[in-house]
Amino acid sequence: MQKHNMLSELPDDLSKEVFEPIVKTDSVLIERIISKAHVTPQGQWYDQAHNEWVMVIQGAARLEFSEGKTIELGVGEHINIGANVKHRVAWTSEEVETIWLAVHY
């Protein structure tokens, strides 16, 4: 058993968004996602077969949904995204890493 800190040990190379599994079972994935000015490419949508709960631990982000709704998330704010709800990351902070805690279930 080893403790970890969600805000430390950030990778040096953030040229691509980083997805780090924390806990993975057959029915649940908990991961740390690190973004810095990363967005989902225009015209692409996440359309997942499972629910996803996400919280911004550091930084800020904007999520866009296919039905036209946009949600901004700041530190401590979270949202539950239902299965097959098409969404994309429209913006993440350029100044500081955006660290997400995501639970896929």
C-alpha atoms as a PDB file:
ATOM      1  CA  MET A   1       0.000   0.000   0.000  1.00  0.00           C
ATOM      2  CA  GLN A   2       1.417   3.356  -1.052  1.00  0.00           C
ATOM      3  CA  LYS A   3      -0.080   6.828  -0.795  1.00  0.00           C
ATOM      4  CA  HIS A   4      -0.186   9.229  -3.743  1.00  0.00           C
ATOM      5  CA  ASN A   5      -0.992  12.893  -4.221  1.00  0.00           C
ATOM      6  CA  MET A   6      -3.275  13.929  -7.105  1.00  0.00           C
ATOM      7  CA  LEU A   7      -1.448  17.274  -7.398  1.00  0.00           C
ATOM      8  CA  SER A   8       2.133  16.028  -7.488  1.00  0.00           C
ATOM      9  CA  GLU A   9       4.296  13.903  -9.740  1.00  0.00           C
ATOM     10  CA  LEU A  10       2.999  15.631 -12.851  1.00  0.00           C
ATOM     11  CA  PRO A  11       4.593  14.446 -16.095  1.00  0.00           C
ATOM     12  CA  ASP A  12       7.149  16.722 -17.748  1.00  0.00           C
ATOM     13  CA  ASP A  13       5.747  16.075 -21.218  1.00  0.00           C
ATOM     14  CA  LEU A  14       2.195  17.385 -21.580  1.00  0.00           C
ATOM     15  CA  SER A  15       2.218  17.610 -25.354  1.00  0.00           C
ATOM     16  CA  LYS A  16      -0.651  15.092 -25.173  1.00  0.00           C
ATOM     17  CA  GLU A  17      -3.374  14.765 -22.559  1.00  0.00           C
ATOM     18  CA  VAL A  18      -2.389  12.221 -19.886  1.00  0.00           C
ATOM     19  CA  PHE A  19      -4.733   9.486 -18.588  1.00  0.00           C
ATOM     20  CA  GLU A  20      -3.490   7.642 -15.475  1.00  0.00           C
ATOM     21  CA  PRO A  21      -5.546   4.773 -14.007  1.00  0.00           C
ATOM     22  CA  ILE A  22      -5.758   4.867 -10.210  1.00  0.00           C
ATOM     23  CA  VAL A  23      -8.172   1.952  -9.686  1.00  0.00           C
ATOM     24  CA  LYS A  24      -9.388  -0.421 -12.369  1.00  0.00           C
ATOM     25  CA  THR A  25     -11.826  -3.309 -11.963  1.00  0.00           C
ATOM     26  CA  ASP A  26     -14.240  -5.027 -14.346  1.00  0.00           C
ATOM     27  CA  SER A  27     -16.937  -2.457 -13.515  1.00  0.00           C
ATOM     28  CA  VAL A  28     -15.112   0.720 -12.386  1.00  0.00           C
ATOM     29  CA  LEU A  29     -12.230   2.835 -13.636  1.00  0.00           C
ATOM     30  CA  ILE A  30     -10.968   5.740 -11.528  1.00  0.00           C
ATOM     31  CA  GLU A  31      -8.367   7.859 -13.258  1.00  0.00           C
ATOM     32  CA  ARG A  32      -6.423  11.083 -13.050  1.00  0.00           C
ATOM     33  CA  ILE A  33      -6.522  13.082 -16.267  1.00  0.00           C
ATOM     34  CA  ILE A  34      -4.051  15.908 -16.829  1.00  0.00           C
ATOM     35  CA  SER A  35      -4.839  18.529 -19.467  1.00  0.00           C
ATOM     36  CA  LYS A  36      -3.099  21.774 -20.363  1.00  0.00           C
ATOM     37  CA  ALA A  37      -4.703  23.625 -23.254  1.00  0.00           C
ATOM     38  CA  HIS A  38      -6.034  20.293 -24.550  1.00  0.00           C
ATOM     39  CA  VAL A  39      -9.397  20.019 -26.288  1.00  0.00           C
ATOM     40  CA  THR A  40     -11.301  17.308 -28.093  1.00  0.00           C
ATOM     41  CA  PRO A  41     -10.782  17.886 -31.831  1.00  0.00           C
ATOM     42  CA  GLN A  42     -13.648  19.692 -33.575  1.00  0.00           C
ATOM     43  CA  GLY A  43     -16.295  17.288 -34.824  1.00  0.00           C
ATOM     44  CA  GLN A  44     -15.253  14.506 -32.419  1.00  0.00           C
ATOM     45  CA  TRP A  45     -17.417  13.479 -29.470  1.00  0.00           C
ATOM     46  CA  TYR A  46     -16.997  11.116 -26.564  1.00  0.00           C
ATOM     47  CA  ASP A  47     -19.906   8.655 -26.725  1.00  0.00           C
ATOM     48  CA  GLN A  48     -19.203   6.174 -23.950  1.00  0.00           C
ATOM     49  CA  ALA A  49     -21.168   3.056 -23.091  1.00  0.00           C
ATOM     50  CA  HIS A  50     -20.764   3.816 -19.375  1.00  0.00           C
ATOM     51  CA  ASN A  51     -21.460   6.696 -16.979  1.00  0.00           C
ATOM     52  CA  GLU A  52     -18.648   9.090 -16.096  1.00  0.00           C
ATOM     53  CA  TRP A  53     -18.369  11.344 -13.050  1.00  0.00           C
ATOM     54  CA  VAL A  54     -15.652  14.003 -13.329  1.00  0.00           C
ATOM     55  CA  MET A  55     -14.337  16.653 -10.941  1.00  0.00           C
ATOM     56  CA  VAL A  56     -11.777  19.368 -11.563  1.00  0.00           C
ATOM     57  CA  ILE A  57      -9.194  19.310  -8.775  1.00  0.00           C
ATOM     58  CA  GLN A  58      -6.963  22.026 -10.258  1.00  0.00           C
ATOM     59  CA  GLY A  59      -7.337  24.359 -13.214  1.00  0.00           C
ATOM     60  CA  ALA A  60     -10.510  24.864 -15.217  1.00  0.00           C
ATOM     61  CA  ALA A  61     -12.347  23.347 -18.168  1.00  0.00           C
ATOM     62  CA  ARG A  62     -15.350  23.722 -20.415  1.00  0.00           C
ATOM     63  CA  LEU A  63     -17.416  20.753 -21.561  1.00  0.00           C
ATOM     64  CA  GLU A  64     -19.699  20.939 -24.574  1.00  0.00           C
ATOM     65  CA  PHE A  65     -22.600  18.578 -25.186  1.00  0.00           C
ATOM     66  CA  SER A  66     -24.009  17.575 -28.579  1.00  0.00           C
ATOM     67  CA  GLU A  67     -27.431  19.022 -27.745  1.00  0.00           C
ATOM     68  CA  GLY A  68     -25.796  22.465 -27.420  1.00  0.00           C
ATOM     69  CA  LYS A  69     -25.312  22.822 -23.662  1.00  0.00           C
ATOM     70  CA  THR A  70     -21.953  24.078 -22.340  1.00  0.00           C
ATOM     71  CA  ILE A  71     -20.726  23.660 -18.756  1.00  0.00           C
ATOM     72  CA  GLU A  72     -17.723  25.364 -17.187  1.00  0.00           C
ATOM     73  CA  LEU A  73     -15.971  23.539 -14.349  1.00  0.00           C
ATOM     74  CA  GLY A  74     -13.644  25.154 -11.828  1.00  0.00           C
ATOM     75  CA  VAL A  75     -11.775  23.788  -8.850  1.00  0.00           C
ATOM     76  CA  GLY A  76     -13.973  21.453  -6.812  1.00  0.00           C
ATOM     77  CA  GLU A  77     -16.822  21.403  -9.315  1.00  0.00           C
ATOM     78  CA  HIS A  78     -18.069  18.105 -10.697  1.00  0.00           C
ATOM     79  CA  ILE A  79     -20.619  16.646 -13.081  1.00  0.00           C
ATOM     80  CA  ASN A  80     -22.084  13.239 -13.788  1.00  0.00           C
ATOM     81  CA  ILE A  81     -22.292  12.405 -17.492  1.00  0.00           C
ATOM     82  CA  GLY A  82     -24.687   9.609 -18.355  1.00  0.00           C
ATOM     83  CA  ALA A  83     -23.860   6.746 -20.680  1.00  0.00           C
ATOM     84  CA  ASN A  84     -24.083   7.648 -24.382  1.00  0.00           C
ATOM     85  CA  VAL A  85     -24.338  11.390 -23.692  1.00  0.00           C
ATOM     86  CA  LYS A  86     -22.171  12.856 -26.430  1.00  0.00           C
ATOM     87  CA  HIS A  87     -19.707  15.401 -25.076  1.00  0.00           C
ATOM     88  CA  ARG A  88     -16.328  16.941 -25.754  1.00  0.00           C
ATOM     89  CA  VAL A  89     -13.734  19.019 -23.948  1.00  0.00           C
ATOM     90  CA  ALA A  90     -14.047  22.466 -25.534  1.00  0.00           C
ATOM     91  CA  TRP A  91     -11.338  24.209 -23.456  1.00  0.00           C
ATOM     92  CA  THR A  92      -8.848  23.639 -20.647  1.00  0.00           C
ATOM     93  CA  SER A  93      -6.633  26.212 -18.960  1.00  0.00           C
ATOM     94  CA  GLU A  94      -3.496  27.253 -20.785  1.00  0.00           C
ATOM     95  CA  GLU A  95      -1.829  28.712 -17.650  1.00  0.00           C
ATOM     96  CA  VAL A  96      -2.021  25.780 -15.259  1.00  0.00           C
ATOM     97  CA  GLU A  97      -2.532  22.048 -15.625  1.00  0.00           C
ATOM     98  CA  THR A  98      -6.149  20.997 -15.311  1.00  0.00           C
ATOM     99  CA  ILE A  99      -6.246  17.908 -13.129  1.00  0.00           C
ATOM    100  CA  TRP A 100      -9.416  15.869 -13.308  1.00  0.00           C
ATOM    101  CA  LEU A 101     -10.584  12.990 -11.158  1.00  0.00           C
ATOM    102  CA  ALA A 102     -12.754  10.758 -13.336  1.00  0.00           C
ATOM    103  CA  VAL A 103     -14.847   7.773 -12.285  1.00  0.00           C
ATOM    104  CA  HIS A 104     -16.151   5.564 -15.100  1.00  0.00           C
ATOM    105  CA  TYR A 105     -18.872   3.181 -13.920  1.00  0.00           C
END
